[in-house]
PDB file of N, CA and C in Angstrom:
ATOM      1  N   MET A   1      -0.570  -1.483   1.839  1.00  0.00           N
ATOM      2  CA  MET A   1      -0.039  -2.378   0.953  1.00  0.00           C
ATOM      3  C   MET A   1       0.384  -1.547  -0.488  1.00  0.00           C
ATOM      4  N   ASN A   2      -0.500  -0.520  -0.746  1.00  0.00           N
ATOM      5  CA  ASN A   2      -0.320   0.107  -1.797  1.00  0.00           C
ATOM      6  C   ASN A   2       1.048   1.003  -1.849  1.00  0.00           C
ATOM      7  N   TRP A   3       1.398   1.497  -0.685  1.00  0.00           N
ATOM      8  CA  TRP A   3       2.402   2.208  -0.531  1.00  0.00           C
ATOM      9  C   TRP A   3       3.726   1.339  -0.770  1.00  0.00           C
ATOM     10  N   LEU A   4       3.768   0.178  -0.090  1.00  0.00           N
ATOM     11  CA  LEU A   4       4.935  -0.782  -0.403  1.00  0.00           C
ATOM     12  C   LEU A   4       5.015  -1.165  -1.955  1.00  0.00           C
ATOM     13  N   LEU A   5       3.803  -1.286  -2.320  1.00  0.00           N
ATOM     14  CA  LEU A   5       4.031  -1.736  -3.829  1.00  0.00           C
ATOM     15  C   LEU A   5       4.452  -0.527  -4.606  1.00  0.00           C
ATOM     16  N   PHE A   6       4.039   0.547  -4.396  1.00  0.00           N
ATOM     17  CA  PHE A   6       4.473   1.929  -4.926  1.00  0.00           C
ATOM     18  C   PHE A   6       6.200   2.160  -4.944  1.00  0.00           C
ATOM     19  N   LYS A   7       6.515   2.098  -3.747  1.00  0.00           N
ATOM     20  CA  LYS A   7       7.942   2.317  -3.313  1.00  0.00           C
ATOM     21  C   LYS A   7       8.954   1.264  -3.608  1.00  0.00           C
ATOM     22  N   TYR A   8       8.608   0.048  -3.551  1.00  0.00           N
ATOM     23  CA  TYR A   8       9.409  -1.145  -3.524  1.00  0.00           C
ATOM     24  C   TYR A   8       9.214  -2.126  -4.810  1.00  0.00           C
ATOM     25  N   THR A   9       8.312  -1.723  -5.846  1.00  0.00           N
ATOM     26  CA  THR A   9       8.128  -2.513  -6.966  1.00  0.00           C
ATOM     27  C   THR A   9       8.044  -1.493  -8.149  1.00  0.00           C
ATOM     28  N   ALA A  10       8.025  -2.167  -9.359  1.00  0.00           N
ATOM     29  CA  ALA A  10       7.783  -1.269 -10.674  1.00  0.00           C
ATOM     30  C   ALA A  10       6.363  -1.322 -10.946  1.00  0.00           C
ATOM     31  N   LEU A  11       5.510  -2.015 -10.184  1.00  0.00           N
ATOM     32  CA  LEU A  11       4.052  -2.133 -10.459  1.00  0.00           C
ATOM     33  C   LEU A  11       3.517  -0.690 -10.344  1.00  0.00           C
ATOM     34  N   ARG A  12       2.509  -0.397 -11.025  1.00  0.00           N
ATOM     35  CA  ARG A  12       1.639   0.792 -11.073  1.00  0.00           C
ATOM     36  C   ARG A  12       0.198   0.639 -10.967  1.00  0.00           C
ATOM     37  N   GLU A  13      -0.242  -0.647 -10.897  1.00  0.00           N
ATOM     38  CA  GLU A  13      -1.606  -1.081 -10.601  1.00  0.00           C
ATOM     39  C   GLU A  13      -1.811  -1.431  -9.166  1.00  0.00           C
ATOM     40  N   PHE A  14      -2.835  -0.440  -8.416  1.00  0.00           N
ATOM     41  CA  PHE A  14      -2.763  -0.726  -7.070  1.00  0.00           C
ATOM     42  C   PHE A  14      -4.385  -1.185  -6.657  1.00  0.00           C
ATOM     43  N   TYR A  15      -4.398  -1.331  -5.310  1.00  0.00           N
ATOM     44  CA  TYR A  15      -5.987  -1.712  -4.921  1.00  0.00           C
ATOM     45  C   TYR A  15      -6.571  -0.722  -4.487  1.00  0.00           C
ATOM     46  N   PRO A  16      -7.977  -0.761  -4.770  1.00  0.00           N
ATOM     47  CA  PRO A  16      -8.793   0.305  -4.347  1.00  0.00           C
ATOM     48  C   PRO A  16      -8.595   0.491  -2.884  1.00  0.00           C
ATOM     49  N   GLN A  17      -8.746   1.636  -2.122  1.00  0.00           N
ATOM     50  CA  GLN A  17      -8.245   1.528  -0.744  1.00  0.00           C
ATOM     51  C   GLN A  17      -9.350   2.268  -0.021  1.00  0.00           C
ATOM     52  N   PRO A  18     -10.087   1.759   0.966  1.00  0.00           N
ATOM     53  CA  PRO A  18     -10.990   2.414   1.791  1.00  0.00           C
ATOM     54  C   PRO A  18     -10.329   3.418   2.628  1.00  0.00           C
ATOM     55  N   ILE A  19     -11.172   4.512   3.106  1.00  0.00           N
ATOM     56  CA  ILE A  19     -10.463   5.333   4.049  1.00  0.00           C
ATOM     57  C   ILE A  19     -10.264   4.729   5.157  1.00  0.00           C
ATOM     58  N   GLY A  20      -9.097   4.990   5.923  1.00  0.00           N
ATOM     59  CA  GLY A  20      -8.605   4.041   7.025  1.00  0.00           C
ATOM     60  C   GLY A  20      -9.044   4.947   8.241  1.00  0.00           C
ATOM     61  N   ARG A  21      -9.006   4.079   9.336  1.00  0.00           N
ATOM     62  CA  ARG A  21      -9.359   4.713  10.628  1.00  0.00           C
ATOM     63  C   ARG A  21      -8.320   5.226  11.398  1.00  0.00           C
ATOM     64  N   ASN A  22      -6.981   4.802  11.098  1.00  0.00           N
ATOM     65  CA  ASN A  22      -5.709   5.137  12.034  1.00  0.00           C
ATOM     66  C   ASN A  22      -5.325   6.408  11.689  1.00  0.00           C
ATOM     67  N   ALA A  23      -5.010   7.317  12.642  1.00  0.00           N
ATOM     68  CA  ALA A  23      -4.844   8.627  12.449  1.00  0.00           C
ATOM     69  C   ALA A  23      -3.505   8.955  11.885  1.00  0.00           C
ATOM     70  N   ASP A  24      -2.468   8.132  11.969  1.00  0.00           N
ATOM     71  CA  ASP A  24      -1.159   8.021  11.514  1.00  0.00           C
ATOM     72  C   ASP A  24      -1.131   8.095   9.902  1.00  0.00           C
ATOM     73  N   ILE A  25      -2.046   7.084   9.525  1.00  0.00           N
ATOM     74  CA  ILE A  25      -2.062   6.825   8.126  1.00  0.00           C
ATOM     75  C   ILE A  25      -2.926   7.622   7.517  1.00  0.00           C
ATOM     76  N   ILE A  26      -4.058   8.150   7.787  1.00  0.00           N
ATOM     77  CA  ILE A  26      -4.851   9.123   6.897  1.00  0.00           C
ATOM     78  C   ILE A  26      -4.144  10.451   6.870  1.00  0.00           C
ATOM     79  N   GLN A  27      -3.097  10.724   7.377  1.00  0.00           N
ATOM     80  CA  GLN A  27      -2.412  12.006   7.290  1.00  0.00           C
ATOM     81  C   GLN A  27      -1.952  12.054   5.855  1.00  0.00           C
ATOM     82  N   TYR A  28      -1.848  11.042   5.285  1.00  0.00           N
ATOM     83  CA  TYR A  28      -0.960  10.971   3.897  1.00  0.00           C
ATOM     84  C   TYR A  28      -2.140  10.373   3.096  1.00  0.00           C
ATOM     85  N   GLU A  29      -2.454  11.267   2.027  1.00  0.00           N
ATOM     86  CA  GLU A  29      -3.433  10.783   0.900  1.00  0.00           C
ATOM     87  C   GLU A  29      -2.704  10.167  -0.272  1.00  0.00           C
ATOM     88  N   LEU A  30      -2.401   9.014  -0.263  1.00  0.00           N
ATOM     89  CA  LEU A  30      -1.557   8.243  -1.286  1.00  0.00           C
ATOM     90  C   LEU A  30      -2.130   8.524  -2.673  1.00  0.00           C
ATOM     91  N   ASN A  31      -3.329   8.688  -2.947  1.00  0.00           N
ATOM     92  CA  ASN A  31      -3.600   8.996  -4.450  1.00  0.00           C
ATOM     93  C   ASN A  31      -3.175  10.406  -4.993  1.00  0.00           C
ATOM     94  N   THR A  32      -3.057  11.374  -4.056  1.00  0.00           N
ATOM     95  CA  THR A  32      -2.271  12.341  -4.551  1.00  0.00           C
ATOM     96  C   THR A  32      -0.806  12.230  -4.724  1.00  0.00           C
ATOM     97  N   ILE A  33      -0.170  11.706  -3.682  1.00  0.00           N
ATOM     98  CA  ILE A  33       1.101  11.343  -4.117  1.00  0.00           C
ATOM     99  C   ILE A  33       1.434  10.347  -5.199  1.00  0.00           C
ATOM    100  N   PHE A  34       0.702   9.699  -5.354  1.00  0.00           N
ATOM    101  CA  PHE A  34       0.802   8.787  -6.640  1.00  0.00           C
ATOM    102  C   PHE A  34       0.930   9.374  -7.598  1.00  0.00           C
ATOM    103  N   ASN A  35      -0.339  10.320  -7.864  1.00  0.00           N
ATOM    104  CA  ASN A  35      -0.544  11.057  -9.084  1.00  0.00           C
ATOM    105  C   ASN A  35       0.352  12.234  -9.327  1.00  0.00           C
ATOM    106  N   LEU A  36       1.092  12.625  -8.379  1.00  0.00           N
ATOM    107  CA  LEU A  36       2.008  13.815  -8.413  1.00  0.00           C
ATOM    108  C   LEU A  36       3.381  13.270  -8.802  1.00  0.00           C
ATOM    109  N   VAL A  37       3.472  11.901  -8.474  1.00  0.00           N
ATOM    110  CA  VAL A  37       5.056  11.251  -8.977  1.00  0.00           C
ATOM    111  C   VAL A  37       5.036  10.573 -10.230  1.00  0.00           C
ATOM    112  N   ASP A  38       3.808   9.894 -10.500  1.00  0.00           N
ATOM    113  CA  ASP A  38       3.843   9.028 -11.514  1.00  0.00           C
ATOM    114  C   ASP A  38       2.311   8.940 -12.153  1.00  0.00           C
ATOM    115  N   ASP A  39       2.100   9.601 -13.563  1.00  0.00           N
ATOM    116  CA  ASP A  39       0.989   9.739 -14.029  1.00  0.00           C
ATOM    117  C   ASP A  39       0.389   8.292 -14.618  1.00  0.00           C
ATOM    118  N   ASN A  40       1.114   7.308 -14.479  1.00  0.00           N
ATOM    119  CA  ASN A  40       0.645   5.933 -14.839  1.00  0.00           C
ATOM    120  C   ASN A  40      -0.078   4.944 -14.043  1.00  0.00           C
ATOM    121  N   VAL A  41      -0.341   5.736 -12.880  1.00  0.00           N
ATOM    122  CA  VAL A  41      -1.017   4.816 -11.565  1.00  0.00           C
ATOM    123  C   VAL A  41      -2.555   4.595 -11.979  1.00  0.00           C
ATOM    124  N   VAL A  42      -2.870   3.270 -11.944  1.00  0.00           N
ATOM    125  CA  VAL A  42      -4.223   2.777 -12.123  1.00  0.00           C
ATOM    126  C   VAL A  42      -4.728   2.102 -10.886  1.00  0.00           C
ATOM    127  N   TYR A  43      -5.723   1.837 -10.750  1.00  0.00           N
ATOM    128  CA  TYR A  43      -6.368   0.951  -9.749  1.00  0.00           C
ATOM    129  C   TYR A  43      -7.067  -0.142 -10.064  1.00  0.00           C
ATOM    130  N   LYS A  44      -6.901  -1.392  -9.706  1.00  0.00           N
ATOM    131  CA  LYS A  44      -7.493  -2.659 -10.141  1.00  0.00           C
ATOM    132  C   LYS A  44      -9.129  -2.362  -9.999  1.00  0.00           C
ATOM    133  N   SER A  45      -9.890  -3.025 -10.730  1.00  0.00           N
ATOM    134  CA  SER A  45     -11.262  -3.011 -10.715  1.00  0.00           C
ATOM    135  C   SER A  45     -11.921  -3.666  -9.645  1.00  0.00           C
ATOM    136  N   HIS A  46     -12.919  -3.131  -8.891  1.00  0.00           N
ATOM    137  CA  HIS A  46     -13.442  -3.603  -7.748  1.00  0.00           C
ATOM    138  C   HIS A  46     -13.710  -5.038  -7.933  1.00  0.00           C
ATOM    139  N   ARG A  47     -14.064  -5.466  -9.158  1.00  0.00           N
ATOM    140  CA  ARG A  47     -14.461  -6.598  -9.629  1.00  0.00           C
ATOM    141  C   ARG A  47     -13.484  -8.081  -9.298  1.00  0.00           C
ATOM    142  N   ILE A  48     -12.147  -7.537  -9.339  1.00  0.00           N
ATOM    143  CA  ILE A  48     -11.044  -8.563  -9.087  1.00  0.00           C
ATOM    144  C   ILE A  48     -10.090  -8.100  -8.064  1.00  0.00           C
ATOM    145  N   ALA A  49     -10.298  -7.154  -7.701  1.00  0.00           N
ATOM    146  CA  ALA A  49      -9.343  -6.531  -6.595  1.00  0.00           C
ATOM    147  C   ALA A  49      -9.196  -7.284  -5.380  1.00  0.00           C
ATOM    148  N   TYR A  50     -10.295  -7.719  -4.794  1.00  0.00           N
ATOM    149  CA  TYR A  50     -10.440  -8.299  -3.569  1.00  0.00           C
ATOM    150  C   TYR A  50      -9.562  -9.632  -3.787  1.00  0.00           C
ATOM    151  N   HIS A  51     -10.067 -10.317  -4.744  1.00  0.00           N
ATOM    152  CA  HIS A  51      -9.527 -11.798  -5.003  1.00  0.00           C
ATOM    153  C   HIS A  51      -7.934 -11.567  -5.275  1.00  0.00           C
ATOM    154  N   ASP A  52      -7.620 -10.574  -6.125  1.00  0.00           N
ATOM    155  CA  ASP A  52      -6.008 -10.524  -6.377  1.00  0.00           C
ATOM    156  C   ASP A  52      -5.158 -10.191  -5.089  1.00  0.00           C
ATOM    157  N   TYR A  53      -5.836  -9.181  -4.139  1.00  0.00           N
ATOM    158  CA  TYR A  53      -5.186  -8.881  -2.850  1.00  0.00           C
ATOM    159  C   TYR A  53      -5.365 -10.259  -1.987  1.00  0.00           C
ATOM    160  N   CYS A  54      -6.173 -10.931  -1.980  1.00  0.00           N
ATOM    161  CA  CYS A  54      -6.186 -12.105  -1.141  1.00  0.00           C
ATOM    162  C   CYS A  54      -5.048 -13.157  -1.650  1.00  0.00           C
ATOM    163  N   GLN A  55      -4.893 -13.289  -3.154  1.00  0.00           N
ATOM    164  CA  GLN A  55      -3.811 -14.052  -3.481  1.00  0.00           C
ATOM    165  C   GLN A  55      -2.605 -13.584  -3.255  1.00  0.00           C
ATOM    166  N   LEU A  56      -2.458 -12.213  -3.264  1.00  0.00           N
ATOM    167  CA  LEU A  56      -1.181 -11.620  -3.014  1.00  0.00           C
ATOM    168  C   LEU A  56      -0.800 -11.872  -1.535  1.00  0.00           C
ATOM    169  N   MET A  57      -1.816 -11.692  -0.558  1.00  0.00           N
ATOM    170  CA  MET A  57      -1.545 -11.935   0.880  1.00  0.00           C
ATOM    171  C   MET A  57      -1.122 -13.411   1.140  1.00  0.00           C
ATOM    172  N   LYS A  58      -1.633 -14.445   0.546  1.00  0.00           N
ATOM    173  CA  LYS A  58      -1.367 -15.586   0.424  1.00  0.00           C
ATOM    174  C   LYS A  58       0.139 -16.092  -0.057  1.00  0.00           C
ATOM    175  N   ILE A  59       0.554 -15.471  -1.147  1.00  0.00           N
ATOM    176  CA  ILE A  59       1.676 -15.648  -1.659  1.00  0.00           C
ATOM    177  C   ILE A  59       2.890 -14.893  -0.661  1.00  0.00           C
ATOM    178  N   LEU A  60       2.586 -13.803  -0.242  1.00  0.00           N
ATOM    179  CA  LEU A  60       3.457 -13.107   0.916  1.00  0.00           C
ATOM    180  C   LEU A  60       3.575 -13.907   2.119  1.00  0.00           C
ATOM    181  N   SER A  61       2.225 -14.345   2.661  1.00  0.00           N
ATOM    182  CA  SER A  61       2.244 -15.252   3.702  1.00  0.00           C
ATOM    183  C   SER A  61       3.181 -16.449   3.764  1.00  0.00           C
ATOM    184  N   ILE A  62       3.117 -17.022   2.528  1.00  0.00           N
ATOM    185  CA  ILE A  62       4.284 -18.266   2.363  1.00  0.00           C
ATOM    186  C   ILE A  62       5.493 -17.692   2.321  1.00  0.00           C
ATOM    187  N   GLU A  63       5.865 -16.775   1.738  1.00  0.00           N
ATOM    188  CA  GLU A  63       7.184 -16.100   1.614  1.00  0.00           C
ATOM    189  C   GLU A  63       7.884 -15.525   3.109  1.00  0.00           C
ATOM    190  N   VAL A  64       6.920 -15.059   3.878  1.00  0.00           N
ATOM    191  CA  VAL A  64       7.353 -14.614   5.193  1.00  0.00           C
ATOM    192  C   VAL A  64       7.185 -15.506   6.109  1.00  0.00           C
ATOM    193  N   TYR A  65       6.291 -16.213   6.380  1.00  0.00           N
ATOM    194  CA  TYR A  65       6.170 -17.235   7.480  1.00  0.00           C
ATOM    195  C   TYR A  65       5.776 -18.566   7.050  1.00  0.00           C
ATOM    196  N   GLY A  66       6.054 -19.015   5.727  1.00  0.00           N
ATOM    197  CA  GLY A  66       5.982 -20.384   5.365  1.00  0.00           C
ATOM    198  C   GLY A  66       4.496 -20.783   5.602  1.00  0.00           C
ATOM    199  N   LYS A  67       3.537 -20.087   5.584  1.00  0.00           N
ATOM    200  CA  LYS A  67       2.303 -20.601   5.931  1.00  0.00           C
ATOM    201  C   LYS A  67       1.554 -19.976   5.004  1.00  0.00           C
ATOM    202  N   LYS A  68       0.294 -20.890   4.361  1.00  0.00           N
ATOM    203  CA  LYS A  68      -0.468 -20.451   3.241  1.00  0.00           C
ATOM    204  C   LYS A  68      -1.687 -19.482   3.640  1.00  0.00           C
ATOM    205  N   GLU A  69      -2.092 -19.291   4.882  1.00  0.00           N
ATOM    206  CA  GLU A  69      -3.016 -18.560   5.343  1.00  0.00           C
ATOM    207  C   GLU A  69      -2.711 -17.065   5.102  1.00  0.00           C
ATOM    208  N   PRO A  70      -3.743 -16.299   4.317  1.00  0.00           N
ATOM    209  CA  PRO A  70      -3.319 -15.021   4.051  1.00  0.00           C
ATOM    210  C   PRO A  70      -3.355 -14.085   5.230  1.00  0.00           C
ATOM    211  N   TYR A  71      -4.000 -14.437   6.301  1.00  0.00           N
ATOM    212  CA  TYR A  71      -4.238 -13.590   7.319  1.00  0.00           C
ATOM    213  C   TYR A  71      -3.048 -13.244   8.214  1.00  0.00           C
ATOM    214  N   TRP A  72      -2.018 -14.049   8.033  1.00  0.00           N
ATOM    215  CA  TRP A  72      -0.717 -13.759   8.602  1.00  0.00           C
ATOM    216  C   TRP A  72      -0.191 -12.514   8.263  1.00  0.00           C
ATOM    217  N   MET A  73       0.017 -12.244   6.862  1.00  0.00           N
ATOM    218  CA  MET A  73       0.580 -11.413   6.254  1.00  0.00           C
ATOM    219  C   MET A  73      -0.502  -9.886   6.568  1.00  0.00           C
ATOM    220  N   GLU A  74      -1.584 -10.172   6.375  1.00  0.00           N
ATOM    221  CA  GLU A  74      -2.382  -9.114   6.493  1.00  0.00           C
ATOM    222  C   GLU A  74      -2.231  -8.347   8.058  1.00  0.00           C
ATOM    223  N   MET A  75      -2.186  -9.368   8.937  1.00  0.00           N
ATOM    224  CA  MET A  75      -2.070  -8.976  10.347  1.00  0.00           C
ATOM    225  C   MET A  75      -0.630  -8.163  10.596  1.00  0.00           C
ATOM    226  N   LEU A  76       0.223  -8.724   9.780  1.00  0.00           N
ATOM    227  CA  LEU A  76       1.741  -8.056   9.845  1.00  0.00           C
ATOM    228  C   LEU A  76       1.537  -6.571   9.247  1.00  0.00           C
ATOM    229  N   LEU A  77       0.843  -6.496   8.342  1.00  0.00           N
ATOM    230  CA  LEU A  77       0.712  -5.133   7.680  1.00  0.00           C
ATOM    231  C   LEU A  77      -0.127  -4.170   8.780  1.00  0.00           C
ATOM    232  N   PHE A  78      -1.071  -4.786   9.173  1.00  0.00           N
ATOM    233  CA  PHE A  78      -1.853  -3.873  10.259  1.00  0.00           C
ATOM    234  C   PHE A  78      -0.956  -3.469  11.416  1.00  0.00           C
ATOM    235  N   ILE A  79       0.013  -4.444  11.755  1.00  0.00           N
ATOM    236  CA  ILE A  79       0.836  -3.995  12.958  1.00  0.00           C
ATOM    237  C   ILE A  79       1.951  -3.065  12.424  1.00  0.00           C
ATOM    238  N   LEU A  80       2.294  -3.035  11.113  1.00  0.00           N
ATOM    239  CA  LEU A  80       3.576  -2.083  10.744  1.00  0.00           C
ATOM    240  C   LEU A  80       2.841  -0.811  10.220  1.00  0.00           C
ATOM    241  N   ALA A  81       1.647  -0.648   9.828  1.00  0.00           N
ATOM    242  CA  ALA A  81       1.161   0.367   9.046  1.00  0.00           C
ATOM    243  C   ALA A  81       1.337   1.762   9.905  1.00  0.00           C
ATOM    244  N   PRO A  82       0.870   1.750  11.165  1.00  0.00           N
ATOM    245  CA  PRO A  82       0.726   2.840  11.849  1.00  0.00           C
ATOM    246  C   PRO A  82       2.080   3.598  12.198  1.00  0.00           C
ATOM    247  N   LYS A  83       2.976   2.674  12.454  1.00  0.00           N
ATOM    248  CA  LYS A  83       4.524   3.288  12.862  1.00  0.00           C
ATOM    249  C   LYS A  83       5.359   3.275  11.699  1.00  0.00           C
ATOM    250  N   TYR A  84       5.533   2.193  11.151  1.00  0.00           N
ATOM    251  CA  TYR A  84       6.694   2.142  10.131  1.00  0.00           C
ATOM    252  C   TYR A  84       6.253   2.608   8.749  1.00  0.00           C
ATOM    253  N   ILE A  85       5.014   2.093   8.358  1.00  0.00           N
ATOM    254  CA  ILE A  85       4.860   2.706   7.085  1.00  0.00           C
ATOM    255  C   ILE A  85       4.515   4.058   6.828  1.00  0.00           C
ATOM    256  N   ALA A  86       3.658   4.546   7.741  1.00  0.00           N
ATOM    257  CA  ALA A  86       3.481   5.967   8.038  1.00  0.00           C
ATOM    258  C   ALA A  86       4.791   6.726   8.132  1.00  0.00           C
ATOM    259  N   ALA A  87       5.612   6.372   8.871  1.00  0.00           N
ATOM    260  CA  ALA A  87       7.066   6.924   8.904  1.00  0.00           C
ATOM    261  C   ALA A  87       7.804   6.779   7.547  1.00  0.00           C
ATOM    262  N   ASP A  88       7.607   5.772   6.908  1.00  0.00           N
ATOM    263  CA  ASP A  88       8.330   5.812   5.626  1.00  0.00           C
ATOM    264  C   ASP A  88       7.828   6.690   4.738  1.00  0.00           C
ATOM    265  N   VAL A  89       6.289   6.788   4.652  1.00  0.00           N
ATOM    266  CA  VAL A  89       5.978   7.680   3.803  1.00  0.00           C
ATOM    267  C   VAL A  89       6.294   9.144   3.912  1.00  0.00           C
ATOM    268  N   LYS A  90       6.276   9.518   5.305  1.00  0.00           N
ATOM    269  CA  LYS A  90       6.626  10.854   5.689  1.00  0.00           C
ATOM    270  C   LYS A  90       8.110  11.049   5.268  1.00  0.00           C
ATOM    271  N   ASN A  91       8.939  10.157   5.568  1.00  0.00           N
ATOM    272  CA  ASN A  91      10.277  10.357   5.345  1.00  0.00           C
ATOM    273  C   ASN A  91      10.616  10.275   3.779  1.00  0.00           C
ATOM    274  N   SER A  92      10.010   9.801   3.000  1.00  0.00           N
ATOM    275  CA  SER A  92      10.142   9.662   1.599  1.00  0.00           C
ATOM    276  C   SER A  92       9.592  10.673   0.676  1.00  0.00           C
ATOM    277  N   LEU A  93       8.957  11.678   1.462  1.00  0.00           N
ATOM    278  CA  LEU A  93       8.322  12.942   0.726  1.00  0.00           C
ATOM    279  C   LEU A  93       8.966  14.050   0.967  1.00  0.00           C
ATOM    280  N   SER A  94       9.197  15.056   0.013  1.00  0.00           N
ATOM    281  CA  SER A  94       9.554  16.312  -0.131  1.00  0.00           C
ATOM    282  C   SER A  94       8.804  17.173  -1.248  1.00  0.00           C
ATOM    283  N   ILE A  95       8.653  18.500  -0.642  1.00  0.00           N
ATOM    284  CA  ILE A  95       7.723  19.095  -1.588  1.00  0.00           C
ATOM    285  C   ILE A  95       8.425  20.229  -2.069  1.00  0.00           C
ATOM    286  N   SER A  96       8.585  20.646  -3.399  1.00  0.00           N
ATOM    287  CA  SER A  96       9.003  22.006  -3.721  1.00  0.00           C
ATOM    288  C   SER A  96       7.993  22.766  -4.731  1.00  0.00           C
ATOM    289  N   LEU A  97       7.730  23.865  -4.750  1.00  0.00           N
ATOM    290  CA  LEU A  97       6.735  24.673  -5.462  1.00  0.00           C
ATOM    291  C   LEU A  97       7.689  25.379  -6.306  1.00  0.00           C
ATOM    292  N   LYS A  98       6.923  25.548  -7.678  1.00  0.00           N
ATOM    293  CA  LYS A  98       7.549  26.567  -8.582  1.00  0.00           C
ATOM    294  C   LYS A  98       6.680  27.815  -8.669  1.00  0.00           C
ATOM    295  N   CYS A  99       7.308  28.902  -8.456  1.00  0.00           N
ATOM    296  CA  CYS A  99       6.453  30.017  -8.251  1.00  0.00           C
ATOM    297  C   CYS A  99       6.743  30.952  -9.656  1.00  0.00           C
TER     298      CYS A  99
END
């Protein structure tokens, strides 16, 4: 979710993200990418992050599926992350070094 917010919105407040289990996703350390690209990145407090995330999933589920249950959107993210989101991260990056 953080990658999608970073790439496709102007938001720069993200959700704390646990270490993933999927090998395709863990190849990319998003904190490093975010910090290299934009120094205004912050993370939501753990006190409010889960509630905010659930509300966002509910809103997106209504937008995408017309259903208010947040698990619809969350399952879509789990399906898309390994193949499409990991590929989007990879295809969006390029590195140059100043020597």
